Amino acid sequence: MNKNKKTKTWIVVTLIFILVFSFYFLVYRNIVFHLKDLDNKVTSLKTQIEAKKRIALKLNQYKAELIQLKEAFSRFSNYLSKPGEISDSLVEISDTLTQYNIKPLVFQPGEEKFEDKSMYGVFPINLKIACDYFTLIKFLDKIESSDKIVYVDQIDIVSTKDSKPQADIRFSLLLQKEGVKF
């Protein structure tokens, strides 16, 4: 009977060990992994919340900067020609040529060019004139002082002994893209 009691004790101990072992590997270990995963997620969320709080603290500053940028863009847009104002700008250039008694050899407006992601476009103009240097400077100064943005891409001046200097000027008007609001 002593042997039978040892066997029963051994069977009970083995069953308890199997139950504990099974509980650990089938239940407890999965719960621990799940808790560690949840802990990592909580830590990540806390980090994200802190980052969002830092951004939220600067929200008023960002709003003020946005208002300043909109005001600056609005002022800037006043200097851009609108697509419907191109003819007015061409007339202004023509009037300036007439004012300085310059007869254009070539006055060739190009086509409006807008890039997809740009807020503005360009309207190129090719102008070839024959005049003295002082008149050329006065003409360029008058065009530069226009209330619209004009930039000169290139100036080539050729002078001969027999004739007035000739200037080949390539310049562009900056245009505001339709539908863009500042």
C-alpha atoms as a PDB file:
ATOM      1  CA  MET A   1       0.000   0.000   0.000  1.00  0.00           C
ATOM      2  CA  ASN A   2       2.859   2.236   0.570  1.00  0.00           C
ATOM      3  CA  LYS A   3       3.745   1.809  -3.066  1.00  0.00           C
ATOM      4  CA  ASN A   4       0.178   2.607  -4.067  1.00  0.00           C
ATOM      5  CA  LYS A   5       0.207   5.766  -1.967  1.00  0.00           C
ATOM      6  CA  LYS A   6       3.474   6.902  -3.595  1.00  0.00           C
ATOM      7  CA  THR A   7       2.004   6.255  -7.001  1.00  0.00           C
ATOM      8  CA  LYS A   8      -1.113   8.245  -6.155  1.00  0.00           C
ATOM      9  CA  THR A   9       0.987  11.087  -4.800  1.00  0.00           C
ATOM     10  CA  TRP A  10       3.176  10.984  -7.882  1.00  0.00           C
ATOM     11  CA  ILE A  11       0.105  11.028 -10.164  1.00  0.00           C
ATOM     12  CA  VAL A  12      -1.414  13.969  -8.237  1.00  0.00           C
ATOM     13  CA  VAL A  13       1.870  15.918  -8.340  1.00  0.00           C
ATOM     14  CA  THR A  14       2.240  15.164 -12.048  1.00  0.00           C
ATOM     15  CA  LEU A  15      -1.351  16.268 -12.736  1.00  0.00           C
ATOM     16  CA  ILE A  16      -0.830  19.486 -10.772  1.00  0.00           C
ATOM     17  CA  PHE A  17       2.405  20.107 -12.643  1.00  0.00           C
ATOM     18  CA  ILE A  18       0.670  19.462 -15.991  1.00  0.00           C
ATOM     19  CA  LEU A  19      -2.188  21.785 -15.018  1.00  0.00           C
ATOM     20  CA  VAL A  20       0.191  24.544 -13.869  1.00  0.00           C
ATOM     21  CA  PHE A  21       2.382  24.054 -16.926  1.00  0.00           C
ATOM     22  CA  SER A  22      -0.663  24.110 -19.244  1.00  0.00           C
ATOM     23  CA  PHE A  23      -2.111  27.169 -17.491  1.00  0.00           C
ATOM     24  CA  TYR A  24       1.195  28.997 -17.821  1.00  0.00           C
ATOM     25  CA  PHE A  25       1.750  28.269 -21.508  1.00  0.00           C
ATOM     26  CA  LEU A  26      -1.860  28.368 -22.673  1.00  0.00           C
ATOM     27  CA  VAL A  27      -3.301  31.208 -20.584  1.00  0.00           C
ATOM     28  CA  TYR A  28      -0.907  33.170 -18.409  1.00  0.00           C
ATOM     29  CA  ARG A  29       1.846  33.642 -20.984  1.00  0.00           C
ATOM     30  CA  ASN A  30      -0.651  34.986 -23.567  1.00  0.00           C
ATOM     31  CA  ILE A  31      -2.064  37.358 -20.962  1.00  0.00           C
ATOM     32  CA  VAL A  32       1.456  38.614 -20.126  1.00  0.00           C
ATOM     33  CA  PHE A  33       2.266  39.167 -23.827  1.00  0.00           C
ATOM     34  CA  HIS A  34      -1.030  40.953 -24.304  1.00  0.00           C
ATOM     35  CA  LEU A  35      -0.365  43.160 -21.257  1.00  0.00           C
ATOM     36  CA  LYS A  36       3.128  44.012 -22.525  1.00  0.00           C
ATOM     37  CA  ASP A  37       1.645  44.901 -25.927  1.00  0.00           C
ATOM     38  CA  LEU A  38      -0.976  47.084 -24.256  1.00  0.00           C
ATOM     39  CA  ASP A  39       1.712  48.726 -22.131  1.00  0.00           C
ATOM     40  CA  ASN A  40       3.739  49.530 -25.259  1.00  0.00           C
ATOM     41  CA  LYS A  41       0.646  50.993 -26.894  1.00  0.00           C
ATOM     42  CA  VAL A  42      -0.087  53.109 -23.808  1.00  0.00           C
ATOM     43  CA  THR A  43       3.491  54.398 -23.825  1.00  0.00           C
ATOM     44  CA  SER A  44       3.232  55.221 -27.539  1.00  0.00           C
ATOM     45  CA  LEU A  45      -0.076  56.999 -27.029  1.00  0.00           C
ATOM     46  CA  LYS A  46       1.354  59.022 -24.137  1.00  0.00           C
ATOM     47  CA  THR A  47       4.234  60.124 -26.379  1.00  0.00           C
ATOM     48  CA  GLN A  48       1.813  61.101 -29.146  1.00  0.00           C
ATOM     49  CA  ILE A  49      -0.391  62.995 -26.686  1.00  0.00           C
ATOM     50  CA  GLU A  50       2.622  64.932 -25.380  1.00  0.00           C
ATOM     51  CA  ALA A  51       3.652  65.815 -28.941  1.00  0.00           C
ATOM     52  CA  LYS A  52       0.106  66.985 -29.757  1.00  0.00           C
ATOM     53  CA  LYS A  53       0.020  69.036 -26.539  1.00  0.00           C
ATOM     54  CA  ARG A  54       3.261  70.779 -27.538  1.00  0.00           C
ATOM     55  CA  ILE A  55       1.743  71.571 -30.936  1.00  0.00           C
ATOM     56  CA  ALA A  56      -1.503  72.734 -29.341  1.00  0.00           C
ATOM     57  CA  LEU A  57       0.439  75.123 -27.110  1.00  0.00           C
ATOM     58  CA  LYS A  58       1.786  76.816 -30.258  1.00  0.00           C
ATOM     59  CA  LEU A  59      -1.570  76.818 -32.048  1.00  0.00           C
ATOM     60  CA  ASN A  60      -2.245  80.506 -31.371  1.00  0.00           C
ATOM     61  CA  GLN A  61       1.249  81.360 -32.605  1.00  0.00           C
ATOM     62  CA  TYR A  62       0.634  79.348 -35.798  1.00  0.00           C
ATOM     63  CA  LYS A  63      -2.722  81.059 -36.324  1.00  0.00           C
ATOM     64  CA  ALA A  64      -1.087  84.491 -35.959  1.00  0.00           C
ATOM     65  CA  GLU A  65       1.632  83.489 -38.445  1.00  0.00           C
ATOM     66  CA  LEU A  66      -1.018  82.249 -40.862  1.00  0.00           C
ATOM     67  CA  ILE A  67      -2.866  85.573 -40.667  1.00  0.00           C
ATOM     68  CA  GLN A  68       0.410  87.436 -41.318  1.00  0.00           C
ATOM     69  CA  LEU A  69       1.174  85.199 -44.313  1.00  0.00           C
ATOM     70  CA  LYS A  70      -2.300  85.722 -45.757  1.00  0.00           C
ATOM     71  CA  GLU A  71      -1.887  89.494 -45.391  1.00  0.00           C
ATOM     72  CA  ALA A  72       1.543  89.353 -47.056  1.00  0.00           C
ATOM     73  CA  PHE A  73       0.201  87.211 -49.911  1.00  0.00           C
ATOM     74  CA  SER A  74      -2.731  89.578 -50.283  1.00  0.00           C
ATOM     75  CA  ARG A  75      -0.353  92.552 -50.613  1.00  0.00           C
ATOM     76  CA  PHE A  76       1.792  90.542 -53.019  1.00  0.00           C
ATOM     77  CA  SER A  77      -1.215  89.641 -55.157  1.00  0.00           C
ATOM     78  CA  ASN A  78      -1.842  93.340 -55.780  1.00  0.00           C
ATOM     79  CA  TYR A  79       1.432  93.397 -57.720  1.00  0.00           C
ATOM     80  CA  LEU A  80       0.515  90.421 -59.879  1.00  0.00           C
ATOM     81  CA  SER A  81      -1.285  91.031 -63.133  1.00  0.00           C
ATOM     82  CA  LYS A  82      -4.581  89.236 -63.381  1.00  0.00           C
ATOM     83  CA  PRO A  83      -5.080  87.285 -66.617  1.00  0.00           C
ATOM     84  CA  GLY A  84      -7.685  89.845 -67.746  1.00  0.00           C
ATOM     85  CA  GLU A  85      -5.265  92.735 -67.156  1.00  0.00           C
ATOM     86  CA  ILE A  86      -2.642  91.618 -69.661  1.00  0.00           C
ATOM     87  CA  SER A  87      -3.985  93.904 -72.362  1.00  0.00           C
ATOM     88  CA  ASP A  88      -3.750  96.858 -69.942  1.00  0.00           C
ATOM     89  CA  SER A  89      -0.108  95.997 -69.258  1.00  0.00           C
ATOM     90  CA  LEU A  90       0.636  95.725 -72.984  1.00  0.00           C
ATOM     91  CA  VAL A  91      -0.994  99.121 -73.559  1.00  0.00           C
ATOM     92  CA  GLU A  92       1.099 100.555 -70.710  1.00  0.00           C
ATOM     93  CA  ILE A  93       4.286  99.208 -72.334  1.00  0.00           C
ATOM     94  CA  SER A  94       3.200 100.558 -75.716  1.00  0.00           C
ATOM     95  CA  ASP A  95       2.413 103.975 -74.192  1.00  0.00           C
ATOM     96  CA  THR A  96       5.837 104.024 -72.544  1.00  0.00           C
ATOM     97  CA  LEU A  97       7.475 103.284 -75.887  1.00  0.00           C
ATOM     98  CA  THR A  98       5.510 106.158 -77.419  1.00  0.00           C
ATOM     99  CA  GLN A  99       6.332 108.466 -74.484  1.00  0.00           C
ATOM    100  CA  TYR A 100      10.068 107.988 -75.087  1.00  0.00           C
ATOM    101  CA  ASN A 101       9.677 108.104 -78.871  1.00  0.00           C
ATOM    102  CA  ILE A 102      10.891 104.517 -79.284  1.00  0.00           C
ATOM    103  CA  LYS A 103       9.751 102.616 -82.316  1.00  0.00           C
ATOM    104  CA  PRO A 104       9.733  98.894 -81.618  1.00  0.00           C
ATOM    105  CA  LEU A 105      11.363  96.697 -84.233  1.00  0.00           C
ATOM    106  CA  VAL A 106       9.740  93.636 -82.633  1.00  0.00           C
ATOM    107  CA  PHE A 107       6.963  93.619 -80.046  1.00  0.00           C
ATOM    108  CA  GLN A 108       5.997  90.010 -79.567  1.00  0.00           C
ATOM    109  CA  PRO A 109       3.869  88.943 -76.595  1.00  0.00           C
ATOM    110  CA  GLY A 110       4.064  85.232 -75.763  1.00  0.00           C
ATOM    111  CA  GLU A 111       1.551  82.896 -74.185  1.00  0.00           C
ATOM    112  CA  GLU A 112       0.614  82.693 -70.530  1.00  0.00           C
ATOM    113  CA  LYS A 113       2.483  79.905 -68.747  1.00  0.00           C
ATOM    114  CA  PHE A 114       1.300  78.416 -65.469  1.00  0.00           C
ATOM    115  CA  GLU A 115       2.891  75.529 -63.627  1.00  0.00           C
ATOM    116  CA  ASP A 116       0.530  73.094 -61.929  1.00  0.00           C
ATOM    117  CA  LYS A 117       1.509  73.708 -58.314  1.00  0.00           C
ATOM    118  CA  SER A 118       2.406  77.376 -58.672  1.00  0.00           C
ATOM    119  CA  MET A 119       0.217  80.236 -57.463  1.00  0.00           C
ATOM    120  CA  TYR A 120       1.391  82.475 -60.267  1.00  0.00           C
ATOM    121  CA  GLY A 121       2.378  82.288 -63.893  1.00  0.00           C
ATOM    122  CA  VAL A 122       4.377  84.300 -66.399  1.00  0.00           C
ATOM    123  CA  PHE A 123       3.495  86.178 -69.548  1.00  0.00           C
ATOM    124  CA  PRO A 124       6.669  86.533 -71.642  1.00  0.00           C
ATOM    125  CA  ILE A 125       7.234  89.473 -73.974  1.00  0.00           C
ATOM    126  CA  ASN A 126      10.008  89.778 -76.537  1.00  0.00           C
ATOM    127  CA  LEU A 127      10.797  93.377 -77.469  1.00  0.00           C
ATOM    128  CA  LYS A 128      13.451  94.654 -79.841  1.00  0.00           C
ATOM    129  CA  ILE A 129      13.999  98.397 -79.964  1.00  0.00           C
ATOM    130  CA  ALA A 130      16.473 100.832 -81.437  1.00  0.00           C
ATOM    131  CA  CYS A 131      17.307 103.820 -79.236  1.00  0.00           C
ATOM    132  CA  ASP A 132      20.203 105.453 -77.435  1.00  0.00           C
ATOM    133  CA  TYR A 133      21.382 104.108 -74.080  1.00  0.00           C
ATOM    134  CA  PHE A 134      19.843 106.899 -72.003  1.00  0.00           C
ATOM    135  CA  THR A 135      16.424 106.351 -73.552  1.00  0.00           C
ATOM    136  CA  LEU A 136      16.773 102.603 -72.970  1.00  0.00           C
ATOM    137  CA  ILE A 137      17.547 103.215 -69.284  1.00  0.00           C
ATOM    138  CA  LYS A 138      14.552 105.574 -68.952  1.00  0.00           C
ATOM    139  CA  PHE A 139      12.294 103.007 -70.633  1.00  0.00           C
ATOM    140  CA  LEU A 140      13.475 100.161 -68.382  1.00  0.00           C
ATOM    141  CA  ASP A 141      13.158 102.378 -65.302  1.00  0.00           C
ATOM    142  CA  LYS A 142       9.575 103.281 -66.228  1.00  0.00           C
ATOM    143  CA  ILE A 143       8.672  99.619 -66.815  1.00  0.00           C
ATOM    144  CA  GLU A 144      10.369  98.643 -63.549  1.00  0.00           C
ATOM    145  CA  SER A 145       8.413 101.261 -61.590  1.00  0.00           C
ATOM    146  CA  SER A 146       5.131  99.825 -62.876  1.00  0.00           C
ATOM    147  CA  ASP A 147       2.628  98.818 -60.209  1.00  0.00           C
ATOM    148  CA  LYS A 148       2.810  95.232 -61.530  1.00  0.00           C
ATOM    149  CA  ILE A 149       5.766  92.885 -61.184  1.00  0.00           C
ATOM    150  CA  VAL A 150       7.859  92.762 -64.334  1.00  0.00           C
ATOM    151  CA  TYR A 151      11.161  90.965 -64.468  1.00  0.00           C
ATOM    152  CA  VAL A 152      13.714  91.115 -67.218  1.00  0.00           C
ATOM    153  CA  ASP A 153      14.955  87.713 -68.334  1.00  0.00           C
ATOM    154  CA  GLN A 154      17.598  88.911 -70.757  1.00  0.00           C
ATOM    155  CA  ILE A 155      18.919  92.064 -72.438  1.00  0.00           C
ATOM    156  CA  ASP A 156      21.201  91.918 -75.458  1.00  0.00           C
ATOM    157  CA  ILE A 157      22.503  95.258 -76.716  1.00  0.00           C
ATOM    158  CA  VAL A 158      24.183  95.514 -80.091  1.00  0.00           C
ATOM    159  CA  SER A 159      25.767  98.740 -81.271  1.00  0.00           C
ATOM    160  CA  THR A 160      27.178  99.699 -84.638  1.00  0.00           C
ATOM    161  CA  LYS A 161      28.821 102.929 -85.805  1.00  0.00           C
ATOM    162  CA  ASP A 162      26.166 103.530 -88.431  1.00  0.00           C
ATOM    163  CA  SER A 163      22.962 103.169 -86.397  1.00  0.00           C
ATOM    164  CA  LYS A 164      21.458 103.541 -82.992  1.00  0.00           C
ATOM    165  CA  PRO A 165      22.106 100.721 -80.525  1.00  0.00           C
ATOM    166  CA  GLN A 166      19.552  97.952 -80.670  1.00  0.00           C
ATOM    167  CA  ALA A 167      18.317  96.245 -77.527  1.00  0.00           C
ATOM    168  CA  ASP A 168      16.709  92.834 -77.594  1.00  0.00           C
ATOM    169  CA  ILE A 169      14.790  92.588 -74.319  1.00  0.00           C
ATOM    170  CA  ARG A 170      13.018  89.509 -73.026  1.00  0.00           C
ATOM    171  CA  PHE A 171      10.905  90.205 -69.994  1.00  0.00           C
ATOM    172  CA  SER A 172       7.884  88.704 -68.292  1.00  0.00           C
ATOM    173  CA  LEU A 173       4.864  89.866 -66.369  1.00  0.00           C
ATOM    174  CA  LEU A 174       3.979  87.817 -63.322  1.00  0.00           C
ATOM    175  CA  LEU A 175       0.356  86.687 -63.404  1.00  0.00           C
ATOM    176  CA  GLN A 176      -1.911  85.550 -60.631  1.00  0.00           C
ATOM    177  CA  LYS A 177      -3.384  82.147 -61.380  1.00  0.00           C
ATOM    178  CA  GLU A 178      -7.163  82.226 -61.706  1.00  0.00           C
ATOM    179  CA  GLY A 179      -8.980  80.830 -58.711  1.00  0.00           C
ATOM    180  CA  VAL A 180      -6.030  81.408 -56.356  1.00  0.00           C
ATOM    181  CA  LYS A 181      -7.078  83.478 -53.390  1.00  0.00           C
ATOM    182  CA  PHE A 182      -4.660  84.918 -50.891  1.00  0.00           C
END
